[in-house]
Amino acid sequence: MIAGQSPATGRTPGGKNRGVDPADSAGGPPVIPDGLVARVRREGQEGWLNELPDLIVELAERWGLQLGSPFSRGPTVAWVAPAGRVDGIPAVLKVGMPHREARTEAAGLRFFAGQGAVRLLRADEEVFALVEERCEPGNELWDLPVEEGNQVAAELLRRLWRRADETGPIERLIDLAKEWGAGIPRMCHNYPADLVEFGIDLADELGKSQPDPVVLHGDFNPGNVLKSRRGWLSIDCKPLVGEPAFDLGQLLANRLGIDLTWEPEDPDSWPFAPSITLGGLARQVDYFADTLGIERHRVIGWAVVKALAWNWGPATTQVFASLL
């Protein structure tokens, strides 16, 4: 991770629709799932964790929320639970651990305005708290066969990607590309030197040569696309202003089947057991490039840059680089 970036999202079995046993929280303070506790402690934010139960209670009282049991998703950096109805809409309360990417989630949802994403119903950005439309039944894109799921993903991305003259606090991909290029040597010091140099050059080249930018989701992966009463919608955006090709890197990495949440002390020991062949990955790249009208080499190039910047491991990075 570079300059406050949070790690990439991997698939967690059980999805976002499975909550902690309601009996655990009846009559007591809000239950904090073990996965959230472990992750926040690893990030060194125990102070925020200690204040979280009181913050949840205060937000529920302020907004008149009827909170249910929190969803349990394994390692995560946000507390999320059903919140009854807000403005007549089934809702969830999301309280995130303060970190860089989460600062502009509300701005992203306001921009998307329910088009391809959940609707934002309430927000207190100072405490990283959002009330969002709840996706019911909440099935993840993972539940669909790969080809059908990729069709849904392409259709959803078309709805999300829109140009905007005014994007407020949302960061620009060109600025992050410069930051990543400067930070990759430190983050990836035990990767092959030629792979690191290749990634630095790619970050510079791609960042400077982007076509007309749109507002990107920023973390578009099968676990962040849920079935709702309005069809398939995206959640957990980490918006950026940049070229569409960037948004596909995360999805393709998850399709590759690597555990992107693995964080051992020795990156050389990272497990690498892809669930699809290189040819299968290449066909998925081709599908998205052709369907969405994006240059294939830019899709793969951004995947290489993100694999390095987010420290997904040398093997994962090399797989994408081999497709160029």
C-alpha atoms as a PDB file:
ATOM      1  CA  MET A   1       0.000   0.000   0.000  1.00  0.00           C
ATOM      2  CA  ILE A   2       1.207   3.510  -0.783  1.00  0.00           C
ATOM      3  CA  ALA A   3       0.434   6.752   1.035  1.00  0.00           C
ATOM      4  CA  GLY A   4      -2.561   5.610   3.001  1.00  0.00           C
ATOM      5  CA  GLN A   5      -4.072   3.309   0.381  1.00  0.00           C
ATOM      6  CA  SER A   6      -6.027   0.390   1.800  1.00  0.00           C
ATOM      7  CA  PRO A   7      -5.274  -3.091   0.448  1.00  0.00           C
ATOM      8  CA  ALA A   8      -7.155  -4.558  -2.453  1.00  0.00           C
ATOM      9  CA  THR A   9     -10.390  -6.340  -1.893  1.00  0.00           C
ATOM     10  CA  GLY A  10     -10.433 -10.097  -2.178  1.00  0.00           C
ATOM     11  CA  ARG A  11     -13.382 -12.441  -2.191  1.00  0.00           C
ATOM     12  CA  THR A  12     -14.683 -13.394   1.229  1.00  0.00           C
ATOM     13  CA  PRO A  13     -17.029 -16.397   1.350  1.00  0.00           C
ATOM     14  CA  GLY A  14     -20.434 -15.641   2.795  1.00  0.00           C
ATOM     15  CA  GLY A  15     -20.962 -12.321   1.068  1.00  0.00           C
ATOM     16  CA  LYS A  16     -22.365  -9.105   2.501  1.00  0.00           C
ATOM     17  CA  ASN A  17     -25.769 -10.451   3.343  1.00  0.00           C
ATOM     18  CA  ARG A  18     -24.743 -12.667   6.237  1.00  0.00           C
ATOM     19  CA  GLY A  19     -25.000 -11.037   9.645  1.00  0.00           C
ATOM     20  CA  VAL A  20     -23.855 -11.851  13.140  1.00  0.00           C
ATOM     21  CA  ASP A  21     -26.438 -13.760  15.205  1.00  0.00           C
ATOM     22  CA  PRO A  22     -28.973 -11.113  16.323  1.00  0.00           C
ATOM     23  CA  ALA A  23     -29.043 -12.618  19.807  1.00  0.00           C
ATOM     24  CA  ASP A  24     -25.433 -11.555  20.253  1.00  0.00           C
ATOM     25  CA  SER A  25     -26.367  -7.874  20.162  1.00  0.00           C
ATOM     26  CA  ALA A  26     -29.769  -7.913  21.841  1.00  0.00           C
ATOM     27  CA  GLY A  27     -29.898  -5.470  24.743  1.00  0.00           C
ATOM     28  CA  GLY A  28     -26.206  -4.644  24.651  1.00  0.00           C
ATOM     29  CA  PRO A  29     -23.727  -2.428  22.841  1.00  0.00           C
ATOM     30  CA  PRO A  30     -23.285  -2.884  19.084  1.00  0.00           C
ATOM     31  CA  VAL A  31     -21.490  -6.075  18.138  1.00  0.00           C
ATOM     32  CA  ILE A  32     -18.173  -5.484  16.355  1.00  0.00           C
ATOM     33  CA  PRO A  33     -17.359  -8.406  14.020  1.00  0.00           C
ATOM     34  CA  ASP A  34     -14.076 -10.204  14.615  1.00  0.00           C
ATOM     35  CA  GLY A  35     -12.879  -9.536  11.071  1.00  0.00           C
ATOM     36  CA  LEU A  36     -13.222  -5.787  11.573  1.00  0.00           C
ATOM     37  CA  VAL A  37     -11.480  -5.913  14.939  1.00  0.00           C
ATOM     38  CA  ALA A  38      -8.528  -7.856  13.536  1.00  0.00           C
ATOM     39  CA  ARG A  39      -8.125  -5.657  10.498  1.00  0.00           C
ATOM     40  CA  VAL A  40      -8.367  -2.361  12.403  1.00  0.00           C
ATOM     41  CA  ARG A  41      -5.825  -3.542  14.954  1.00  0.00           C
ATOM     42  CA  ARG A  42      -3.486  -4.503  12.136  1.00  0.00           C
ATOM     43  CA  GLU A  43      -3.860  -0.960  10.791  1.00  0.00           C
ATOM     44  CA  GLY A  44      -2.997   0.474  14.233  1.00  0.00           C
ATOM     45  CA  GLN A  45      -6.326   2.269  14.757  1.00  0.00           C
ATOM     46  CA  GLU A  46      -7.426   0.805  18.066  1.00  0.00           C
ATOM     47  CA  GLY A  47      -8.442   4.258  19.299  1.00  0.00           C
ATOM     48  CA  TRP A  48     -11.091   4.453  16.577  1.00  0.00           C
ATOM     49  CA  LEU A  49     -12.156   0.905  17.367  1.00  0.00           C
ATOM     50  CA  ASN A  50     -12.690   1.773  21.027  1.00  0.00           C
ATOM     51  CA  GLU A  51     -14.902   4.741  20.096  1.00  0.00           C
ATOM     52  CA  LEU A  52     -16.880   2.866  17.438  1.00  0.00           C
ATOM     53  CA  PRO A  53     -19.715   1.451  19.617  1.00  0.00           C
ATOM     54  CA  ASP A  54     -20.613   4.879  21.017  1.00  0.00           C
ATOM     55  CA  LEU A  55     -20.421   6.416  17.545  1.00  0.00           C
ATOM     56  CA  ILE A  56     -22.808   3.786  16.142  1.00  0.00           C
ATOM     57  CA  VAL A  57     -25.328   4.468  18.916  1.00  0.00           C
ATOM     58  CA  GLU A  58     -25.087   8.239  18.386  1.00  0.00           C
ATOM     59  CA  LEU A  59     -25.609   7.933  14.629  1.00  0.00           C
ATOM     60  CA  ALA A  60     -28.585   5.627  15.057  1.00  0.00           C
ATOM     61  CA  GLU A  61     -30.230   8.102  17.433  1.00  0.00           C
ATOM     62  CA  ARG A  62     -29.443  11.115  15.233  1.00  0.00           C
ATOM     63  CA  TRP A  63     -30.879   9.578  12.061  1.00  0.00           C
ATOM     64  CA  GLY A  64     -33.628   7.482  13.661  1.00  0.00           C
ATOM     65  CA  LEU A  65     -32.187   4.192  12.446  1.00  0.00           C
ATOM     66  CA  GLN A  66     -33.454   0.754  13.403  1.00  0.00           C
ATOM     67  CA  LEU A  67     -30.204  -1.173  13.440  1.00  0.00           C
ATOM     68  CA  GLY A  68     -29.944  -4.906  12.888  1.00  0.00           C
ATOM     69  CA  SER A  69     -26.982  -7.208  13.343  1.00  0.00           C
ATOM     70  CA  PRO A  70     -23.825  -6.212  11.459  1.00  0.00           C
ATOM     71  CA  PHE A  71     -22.875  -8.066   8.333  1.00  0.00           C
ATOM     72  CA  SER A  72     -19.887 -10.347   8.816  1.00  0.00           C
ATOM     73  CA  ARG A  73     -17.472 -10.347   5.881  1.00  0.00           C
ATOM     74  CA  GLY A  74     -14.120 -11.446   7.231  1.00  0.00           C
ATOM     75  CA  PRO A  75     -11.336  -8.824   7.132  1.00  0.00           C
ATOM     76  CA  THR A  76     -12.908  -5.414   6.528  1.00  0.00           C
ATOM     77  CA  VAL A  77     -12.441  -1.770   7.462  1.00  0.00           C
ATOM     78  CA  ALA A  78     -16.094  -0.794   7.928  1.00  0.00           C
ATOM     79  CA  TRP A  79     -18.977  -1.648  10.253  1.00  0.00           C
ATOM     80  CA  VAL A  80     -22.096  -2.234   8.172  1.00  0.00           C
ATOM     81  CA  ALA A  81     -25.566  -3.231   9.375  1.00  0.00           C
ATOM     82  CA  PRO A  82     -29.212  -3.053   8.266  1.00  0.00           C
ATOM     83  CA  ALA A  83     -30.760   0.256   9.356  1.00  0.00           C
ATOM     84  CA  GLY A  84     -34.479  -0.165   8.723  1.00  0.00           C
ATOM     85  CA  ARG A  85     -36.016   2.296   6.271  1.00  0.00           C
ATOM     86  CA  VAL A  86     -34.835   5.822   5.566  1.00  0.00           C
ATOM     87  CA  ASP A  87     -37.028   8.013   3.370  1.00  0.00           C
ATOM     88  CA  GLY A  88     -39.031   4.864   2.706  1.00  0.00           C
ATOM     89  CA  ILE A  89     -35.975   3.034   1.313  1.00  0.00           C
ATOM     90  CA  PRO A  90     -34.411  -0.083   2.923  1.00  0.00           C
ATOM     91  CA  ALA A  91     -31.072   1.117   4.239  1.00  0.00           C
ATOM     92  CA  VAL A  92     -27.754   0.153   5.779  1.00  0.00           C
ATOM     93  CA  LEU A  93     -25.490   2.141   8.069  1.00  0.00           C
ATOM     94  CA  LYS A  94     -21.823   2.057   7.132  1.00  0.00           C
ATOM     95  CA  VAL A  95     -19.191   3.439   9.511  1.00  0.00           C
ATOM     96  CA  GLY A  96     -15.708   3.225   8.063  1.00  0.00           C
ATOM     97  CA  MET A  97     -12.311   3.250   9.631  1.00  0.00           C
ATOM     98  CA  PRO A  98     -10.788   6.613   8.687  1.00  0.00           C
ATOM     99  CA  HIS A  99      -8.483   6.157   5.717  1.00  0.00           C
ATOM    100  CA  ARG A 100      -7.664   7.976   2.547  1.00  0.00           C
ATOM    101  CA  GLU A 101      -9.873   6.141   0.077  1.00  0.00           C
ATOM    102  CA  ALA A 102     -12.974   6.362   2.256  1.00  0.00           C
ATOM    103  CA  ARG A 103     -12.837  10.171   2.354  1.00  0.00           C
ATOM    104  CA  THR A 104     -14.580  10.554  -0.994  1.00  0.00           C
ATOM    105  CA  GLU A 105     -17.010   7.627  -1.025  1.00  0.00           C
ATOM    106  CA  ALA A 106     -19.921   9.968  -0.300  1.00  0.00           C
ATOM    107  CA  ALA A 107     -18.816  12.297  -3.109  1.00  0.00           C
ATOM    108  CA  GLY A 108     -18.703   9.352  -5.471  1.00  0.00           C
ATOM    109  CA  LEU A 109     -22.172   8.164  -4.527  1.00  0.00           C
ATOM    110  CA  ARG A 110     -23.541  11.684  -4.944  1.00  0.00           C
ATOM    111  CA  PHE A 111     -22.060  11.816  -8.423  1.00  0.00           C
ATOM    112  CA  PHE A 112     -23.416   8.393  -9.419  1.00  0.00           C
ATOM    113  CA  ALA A 113     -26.822   9.418  -8.015  1.00  0.00           C
ATOM    114  CA  GLY A 114     -28.133   5.866  -7.979  1.00  0.00           C
ATOM    115  CA  GLN A 115     -27.089   5.191 -11.574  1.00  0.00           C
ATOM    116  CA  GLY A 116     -25.251   1.884 -11.321  1.00  0.00           C
ATOM    117  CA  ALA A 117     -24.593   2.384  -7.605  1.00  0.00           C
ATOM    118  CA  VAL A 118     -26.522   2.364  -4.350  1.00  0.00           C
ATOM    119  CA  ARG A 119     -28.183   5.628  -3.387  1.00  0.00           C
ATOM    120  CA  LEU A 120     -26.707   7.774  -0.620  1.00  0.00           C
ATOM    121  CA  LEU A 121     -29.389   8.642   1.963  1.00  0.00           C
ATOM    122  CA  ARG A 122     -27.434  10.320   4.778  1.00  0.00           C
ATOM    123  CA  ALA A 123     -23.792  11.163   5.387  1.00  0.00           C
ATOM    124  CA  ASP A 124     -21.466  12.543   8.042  1.00  0.00           C
ATOM    125  CA  GLU A 125     -18.173  12.611   6.212  1.00  0.00           C
ATOM    126  CA  GLU A 126     -16.223  13.866   9.240  1.00  0.00           C
ATOM    127  CA  VAL A 127     -16.782  10.532  10.979  1.00  0.00           C
ATOM    128  CA  PHE A 128     -16.826   8.406   7.789  1.00  0.00           C
ATOM    129  CA  ALA A 129     -20.477   7.470   8.305  1.00  0.00           C
ATOM    130  CA  LEU A 130     -22.923   6.806   5.470  1.00  0.00           C
ATOM    131  CA  VAL A 131     -26.505   5.609   5.247  1.00  0.00           C
ATOM    132  CA  GLU A 132     -26.967   3.861   1.925  1.00  0.00           C
ATOM    133  CA  GLU A 133     -29.648   2.026   0.029  1.00  0.00           C
ATOM    134  CA  ARG A 134     -29.668  -1.645   1.004  1.00  0.00           C
ATOM    135  CA  CYS A 135     -29.274  -4.227  -1.735  1.00  0.00           C
ATOM    136  CA  GLU A 136     -31.819  -7.004  -1.355  1.00  0.00           C
ATOM    137  CA  PRO A 137     -31.533  -9.954  -1.820  1.00  0.00           C
ATOM    138  CA  GLY A 138     -27.842  -8.990  -1.853  1.00  0.00           C
ATOM    139  CA  ASN A 139     -26.364 -11.788  -3.946  1.00  0.00           C
ATOM    140  CA  GLU A 140     -22.831 -11.038  -5.127  1.00  0.00           C
ATOM    141  CA  LEU A 141     -21.703 -11.094  -8.747  1.00  0.00           C
ATOM    142  CA  TRP A 142     -19.598 -14.087  -7.718  1.00  0.00           C
ATOM    143  CA  ASP A 143     -22.825 -16.113  -7.704  1.00  0.00           C
ATOM    144  CA  LEU A 144     -23.169 -15.891 -11.487  1.00  0.00           C
ATOM    145  CA  PRO A 145     -21.203 -17.945 -14.029  1.00  0.00           C
ATOM    146  CA  VAL A 146     -18.150 -15.997 -15.184  1.00  0.00           C
ATOM    147  CA  GLU A 147     -19.424 -15.103 -18.658  1.00  0.00           C
ATOM    148  CA  GLU A 148     -22.812 -13.975 -17.374  1.00  0.00           C
ATOM    149  CA  GLY A 149     -21.175 -12.081 -14.543  1.00  0.00           C
ATOM    150  CA  ASN A 150     -18.840 -10.276 -16.922  1.00  0.00           C
ATOM    151  CA  GLN A 151     -21.809  -9.231 -19.061  1.00  0.00           C
ATOM    152  CA  VAL A 152     -23.463  -7.740 -15.974  1.00  0.00           C
ATOM    153  CA  ALA A 153     -20.197  -6.027 -15.023  1.00  0.00           C
ATOM    154  CA  ALA A 154     -19.805  -4.454 -18.455  1.00  0.00           C
ATOM    155  CA  GLU A 155     -23.376  -3.160 -18.448  1.00  0.00           C
ATOM    156  CA  LEU A 156     -22.928  -1.708 -14.965  1.00  0.00           C
ATOM    157  CA  LEU A 157     -19.660   0.003 -15.831  1.00  0.00           C
ATOM    158  CA  ARG A 158     -21.323   1.675 -18.799  1.00  0.00           C
ATOM    159  CA  ARG A 159     -23.839   3.202 -16.394  1.00  0.00           C
ATOM    160  CA  LEU A 160     -21.202   4.316 -13.905  1.00  0.00           C
ATOM    161  CA  TRP A 161     -18.698   5.892 -16.280  1.00  0.00           C
ATOM    162  CA  ARG A 162     -19.807   9.454 -16.958  1.00  0.00           C
ATOM    163  CA  ARG A 163     -17.829  12.593 -17.594  1.00  0.00           C
ATOM    164  CA  ALA A 164     -18.116  15.402 -15.108  1.00  0.00           C
ATOM    165  CA  ASP A 165     -16.952  18.990 -15.231  1.00  0.00           C
ATOM    166  CA  GLU A 166     -16.965  19.284 -11.440  1.00  0.00           C
ATOM    167  CA  THR A 167     -15.900  16.325  -9.298  1.00  0.00           C
ATOM    168  CA  GLY A 168     -15.158  18.125  -6.018  1.00  0.00           C
ATOM    169  CA  PRO A 169     -12.737  16.312  -3.718  1.00  0.00           C
ATOM    170  CA  ILE A 170     -12.425  13.144  -5.833  1.00  0.00           C
ATOM    171  CA  GLU A 171      -8.765  12.424  -6.567  1.00  0.00           C
ATOM    172  CA  ARG A 172      -7.339  12.251 -10.069  1.00  0.00           C
ATOM    173  CA  LEU A 173      -5.752   9.087 -11.421  1.00  0.00           C
ATOM    174  CA  ILE A 174      -2.968  11.074 -13.066  1.00  0.00           C
ATOM    175  CA  ASP A 175      -1.855  12.348  -9.655  1.00  0.00           C
ATOM    176  CA  LEU A 176      -2.015   8.906  -8.092  1.00  0.00           C
ATOM    177  CA  ALA A 177      -0.038   7.428 -10.984  1.00  0.00           C
ATOM    178  CA  LYS A 178       2.803   9.839 -10.184  1.00  0.00           C
ATOM    179  CA  GLU A 179       2.595   8.944  -6.510  1.00  0.00           C
ATOM    180  CA  TRP A 180       2.571   5.232  -7.227  1.00  0.00           C
ATOM    181  CA  GLY A 181       5.510   5.509  -9.591  1.00  0.00           C
ATOM    182  CA  ALA A 182       7.536   7.191  -6.857  1.00  0.00           C
ATOM    183  CA  GLY A 183       6.496   4.682  -4.195  1.00  0.00           C
ATOM    184  CA  ILE A 184       6.742   1.403  -6.103  1.00  0.00           C
ATOM    185  CA  PRO A 185      10.517   0.934  -5.587  1.00  0.00           C
ATOM    186  CA  ARG A 186      10.078   1.052  -1.811  1.00  0.00           C
ATOM    187  CA  MET A 187       6.948  -1.092  -1.748  1.00  0.00           C
ATOM    188  CA  CYS A 188       8.277  -3.702  -4.153  1.00  0.00           C
ATOM    189  CA  HIS A 189      11.942  -3.787  -3.194  1.00  0.00           C
ATOM    190  CA  ASN A 190      12.069  -7.604  -3.383  1.00  0.00           C
ATOM    191  CA  TYR A 191      10.268  -7.898  -6.734  1.00  0.00           C
ATOM    192  CA  PRO A 192      12.382  -8.536  -9.850  1.00  0.00           C
ATOM    193  CA  ALA A 193      14.104  -5.256 -10.718  1.00  0.00           C
ATOM    194  CA  ASP A 194      13.030  -5.338 -14.366  1.00  0.00           C
ATOM    195  CA  LEU A 195       9.385  -5.793 -13.349  1.00  0.00           C
ATOM    196  CA  VAL A 196       9.581  -2.814 -11.004  1.00  0.00           C
ATOM    197  CA  GLU A 197      11.163  -0.607 -13.670  1.00  0.00           C
ATOM    198  CA  PHE A 198       8.557  -1.732 -16.181  1.00  0.00           C
ATOM    199  CA  GLY A 199       5.762  -0.787 -13.777  1.00  0.00           C
ATOM    200  CA  ILE A 200       7.256   2.635 -13.050  1.00  0.00           C
ATOM    201  CA  ASP A 201       7.488   3.383 -16.765  1.00  0.00           C
ATOM    202  CA  LEU A 202       3.911   2.176 -17.288  1.00  0.00           C
ATOM    203  CA  ALA A 203       2.568   4.381 -14.491  1.00  0.00           C
ATOM    204  CA  ASP A 204       4.215   7.413 -16.080  1.00  0.00           C
ATOM    205  CA  GLU A 205       3.163   6.587 -19.643  1.00  0.00           C
ATOM    206  CA  LEU A 206      -0.434   5.630 -18.859  1.00  0.00           C
ATOM    207  CA  GLY A 207      -0.978   8.501 -16.452  1.00  0.00           C
ATOM    208  CA  LYS A 208       0.130  11.111 -18.982  1.00  0.00           C
ATOM    209  CA  SER A 209      -1.707   9.654 -21.990  1.00  0.00           C
ATOM    210  CA  GLN A 210      -5.205   9.066 -20.628  1.00  0.00           C
ATOM    211  CA  PRO A 211      -8.174   9.710 -22.913  1.00  0.00           C
ATOM    212  CA  ASP A 212     -11.097  11.832 -21.698  1.00  0.00           C
ATOM    213  CA  PRO A 213     -11.567  11.013 -17.996  1.00  0.00           C
ATOM    214  CA  VAL A 214     -14.723   9.820 -16.274  1.00  0.00           C
ATOM    215  CA  VAL A 215     -15.586   9.188 -12.654  1.00  0.00           C
ATOM    216  CA  LEU A 216     -14.418   5.649 -11.873  1.00  0.00           C
ATOM    217  CA  HIS A 217     -15.730   3.274  -9.224  1.00  0.00           C
ATOM    218  CA  GLY A 218     -12.181   2.627  -8.056  1.00  0.00           C
ATOM    219  CA  ASP A 219     -12.734  -0.808  -6.464  1.00  0.00           C
ATOM    220  CA  PHE A 220     -14.921  -2.610  -8.974  1.00  0.00           C
ATOM    221  CA  ASN A 221     -14.837  -6.317  -8.168  1.00  0.00           C
ATOM    222  CA  PRO A 222     -17.389  -9.163  -7.952  1.00  0.00           C
ATOM    223  CA  GLY A 223     -17.824  -8.712  -4.203  1.00  0.00           C
ATOM    224  CA  ASN A 224     -18.784  -5.066  -4.671  1.00  0.00           C
ATOM    225  CA  VAL A 225     -21.592  -5.764  -7.126  1.00  0.00           C
ATOM    226  CA  LEU A 226     -24.830  -6.873  -5.462  1.00  0.00           C
ATOM    227  CA  LYS A 227     -28.303  -7.850  -6.615  1.00  0.00           C
ATOM    228  CA  SER A 228     -30.977  -5.354  -5.561  1.00  0.00           C
ATOM    229  CA  ARG A 229     -34.624  -4.666  -6.249  1.00  0.00           C
ATOM    230  CA  ARG A 230     -33.391  -2.212  -8.889  1.00  0.00           C
ATOM    231  CA  GLY A 231     -31.137  -4.781 -10.520  1.00  0.00           C
ATOM    232  CA  TRP A 232     -27.396  -5.142 -10.051  1.00  0.00           C
ATOM    233  CA  LEU A 233     -25.729  -2.228  -8.243  1.00  0.00           C
ATOM    234  CA  SER A 234     -22.202  -1.386  -7.127  1.00  0.00           C
ATOM    235  CA  ILE A 235     -21.238  -0.607  -3.541  1.00  0.00           C
ATOM    236  CA  ASP A 236     -18.079   0.493  -1.708  1.00  0.00           C
ATOM    237  CA  CYS A 237     -16.847   2.886  -4.379  1.00  0.00           C
ATOM    238  CA  LYS A 238     -13.436   4.476  -3.993  1.00  0.00           C
ATOM    239  CA  PRO A 239     -13.918   7.053  -6.732  1.00  0.00           C
ATOM    240  CA  LEU A 240     -11.242   8.458  -8.968  1.00  0.00           C
ATOM    241  CA  VAL A 241     -11.283  10.703 -12.003  1.00  0.00           C
ATOM    242  CA  GLY A 242      -9.483   8.873 -14.772  1.00  0.00           C
ATOM    243  CA  GLU A 243      -9.732   6.639 -17.805  1.00  0.00           C
ATOM    244  CA  PRO A 244     -12.136   3.658 -17.820  1.00  0.00           C
ATOM    245  CA  ALA A 245      -9.397   1.073 -18.431  1.00  0.00           C
ATOM    246  CA  PHE A 246      -8.196   1.485 -14.842  1.00  0.00           C
ATOM    247  CA  ASP A 247     -11.454   0.199 -13.340  1.00  0.00           C
ATOM    248  CA  LEU A 248     -10.977  -3.274 -14.850  1.00  0.00           C
ATOM    249  CA  GLY A 249      -7.713  -4.146 -13.100  1.00  0.00           C
ATOM    250  CA  GLN A 250      -9.327  -5.006  -9.780  1.00  0.00           C
ATOM    251  CA  LEU A 251     -12.059  -7.106 -11.390  1.00  0.00           C
ATOM    252  CA  LEU A 252      -9.573  -9.077 -13.497  1.00  0.00           C
ATOM    253  CA  ALA A 253      -7.286  -9.680 -10.517  1.00  0.00           C
ATOM    254  CA  ASN A 254     -10.188 -11.106  -8.546  1.00  0.00           C
ATOM    255  CA  ARG A 255     -11.217 -13.222 -11.541  1.00  0.00           C
ATOM    256  CA  LEU A 256      -7.656 -14.542 -11.605  1.00  0.00           C
ATOM    257  CA  GLY A 257      -8.465 -16.090  -8.243  1.00  0.00           C
ATOM    258  CA  ILE A 258      -5.561 -14.835  -6.154  1.00  0.00           C
ATOM    259  CA  ASP A 259      -6.041 -14.136  -2.454  1.00  0.00           C
ATOM    260  CA  LEU A 260      -5.419 -10.397  -2.558  1.00  0.00           C
ATOM    261  CA  THR A 261      -5.932 -10.009   1.185  1.00  0.00           C
ATOM    262  CA  TRP A 262      -2.872 -12.135   2.012  1.00  0.00           C
ATOM    263  CA  GLU A 263      -0.364  -9.990   3.895  1.00  0.00           C
ATOM    264  CA  PRO A 264       2.551 -12.074   5.195  1.00  0.00           C
ATOM    265  CA  GLU A 265       5.774 -10.431   6.283  1.00  0.00           C
ATOM    266  CA  ASP A 266       7.684 -12.064   3.424  1.00  0.00           C
ATOM    267  CA  PRO A 267       6.109 -11.201   0.053  1.00  0.00           C
ATOM    268  CA  ASP A 268       8.100 -14.034  -1.572  1.00  0.00           C
ATOM    269  CA  SER A 269       5.966 -16.515   0.357  1.00  0.00           C
ATOM    270  CA  TRP A 270       2.670 -15.247  -1.047  1.00  0.00           C
ATOM    271  CA  PRO A 271       0.489 -18.114  -2.290  1.00  0.00           C
ATOM    272  CA  PHE A 272      -0.131 -18.162  -6.040  1.00  0.00           C
ATOM    273  CA  ALA A 273      -2.811 -20.554  -7.199  1.00  0.00           C
ATOM    274  CA  PRO A 274      -4.722 -18.931 -10.067  1.00  0.00           C
ATOM    275  CA  SER A 275      -8.152 -20.370 -10.727  1.00  0.00           C
ATOM    276  CA  ILE A 276      -8.011 -19.699 -14.484  1.00  0.00           C
ATOM    277  CA  THR A 277      -5.377 -20.188 -17.169  1.00  0.00           C
ATOM    278  CA  LEU A 278      -3.424 -17.360 -18.737  1.00  0.00           C
ATOM    279  CA  GLY A 279      -5.456 -17.902 -21.879  1.00  0.00           C
ATOM    280  CA  GLY A 280      -8.672 -17.642 -19.873  1.00  0.00           C
ATOM    281  CA  LEU A 281      -7.531 -14.364 -18.358  1.00  0.00           C
ATOM    282  CA  ALA A 282      -6.569 -13.040 -21.795  1.00  0.00           C
ATOM    283  CA  ARG A 283     -10.022 -13.882 -23.148  1.00  0.00           C
ATOM    284  CA  GLN A 284     -11.648 -11.918 -20.325  1.00  0.00           C
ATOM    285  CA  VAL A 285      -9.404  -8.930 -21.064  1.00  0.00           C
ATOM    286  CA  ASP A 286     -10.392  -9.171 -24.736  1.00  0.00           C
ATOM    287  CA  TYR A 287     -14.086  -9.364 -23.859  1.00  0.00           C
ATOM    288  CA  PHE A 288     -14.047  -6.196 -21.769  1.00  0.00           C
ATOM    289  CA  ALA A 289     -11.821  -4.316 -24.203  1.00  0.00           C
ATOM    290  CA  ASP A 290     -14.046  -5.176 -27.167  1.00  0.00           C
ATOM    291  CA  THR A 291     -17.365  -4.724 -25.348  1.00  0.00           C
ATOM    292  CA  LEU A 292     -16.468  -1.416 -23.717  1.00  0.00           C
ATOM    293  CA  GLY A 293     -14.374   0.002 -26.546  1.00  0.00           C
ATOM    294  CA  ILE A 294     -11.171   0.237 -24.499  1.00  0.00           C
ATOM    295  CA  GLU A 295      -7.637  -0.385 -25.709  1.00  0.00           C
ATOM    296  CA  ARG A 296      -6.492  -3.804 -24.536  1.00  0.00           C
ATOM    297  CA  HIS A 297      -2.946  -2.756 -23.661  1.00  0.00           C
ATOM    298  CA  ARG A 298      -4.238   0.014 -21.379  1.00  0.00           C
ATOM    299  CA  VAL A 299      -6.431  -2.426 -19.446  1.00  0.00           C
ATOM    300  CA  ILE A 300      -3.470  -4.742 -18.858  1.00  0.00           C
ATOM    301  CA  GLY A 301      -1.047  -1.893 -18.233  1.00  0.00           C
ATOM    302  CA  TRP A 302      -3.153  -0.421 -15.441  1.00  0.00           C
ATOM    303  CA  ALA A 303      -3.539  -3.909 -13.948  1.00  0.00           C
ATOM    304  CA  VAL A 304       0.271  -4.174 -13.777  1.00  0.00           C
ATOM    305  CA  VAL A 305       0.563  -0.739 -12.165  1.00  0.00           C
ATOM    306  CA  LYS A 306      -2.124  -1.513  -9.596  1.00  0.00           C
ATOM    307  CA  ALA A 307      -0.599  -4.922  -8.824  1.00  0.00           C
ATOM    308  CA  LEU A 308       2.657  -3.180  -7.948  1.00  0.00           C
ATOM    309  CA  ALA A 309       1.164  -0.155  -6.186  1.00  0.00           C
ATOM    310  CA  TRP A 310      -1.077  -2.340  -4.042  1.00  0.00           C
ATOM    311  CA  ASN A 311       1.596  -5.017  -3.521  1.00  0.00           C
ATOM    312  CA  TRP A 312      -0.347  -7.974  -4.874  1.00  0.00           C
ATOM    313  CA  GLY A 313       2.835 -10.023  -5.151  1.00  0.00           C
ATOM    314  CA  PRO A 314       5.413 -10.556  -7.915  1.00  0.00           C
ATOM    315  CA  ALA A 315       3.672 -13.606  -9.397  1.00  0.00           C
ATOM    316  CA  THR A 316       0.350 -11.805  -9.867  1.00  0.00           C
ATOM    317  CA  THR A 317       2.122  -8.794 -11.349  1.00  0.00           C
ATOM    318  CA  GLN A 318       4.093 -10.973 -13.746  1.00  0.00           C
ATOM    319  CA  VAL A 319       0.932 -12.693 -14.991  1.00  0.00           C
ATOM    320  CA  PHE A 320      -0.518  -9.378 -16.132  1.00  0.00           C
ATOM    321  CA  ALA A 321       2.813  -8.166 -17.522  1.00  0.00           C
ATOM    322  CA  SER A 322       3.098 -11.326 -19.632  1.00  0.00           C
ATOM    323  CA  LEU A 323      -0.098 -10.362 -21.478  1.00  0.00           C
ATOM    324  CA  LEU A 324       1.450  -7.150 -22.836  1.00  0.00           C
END
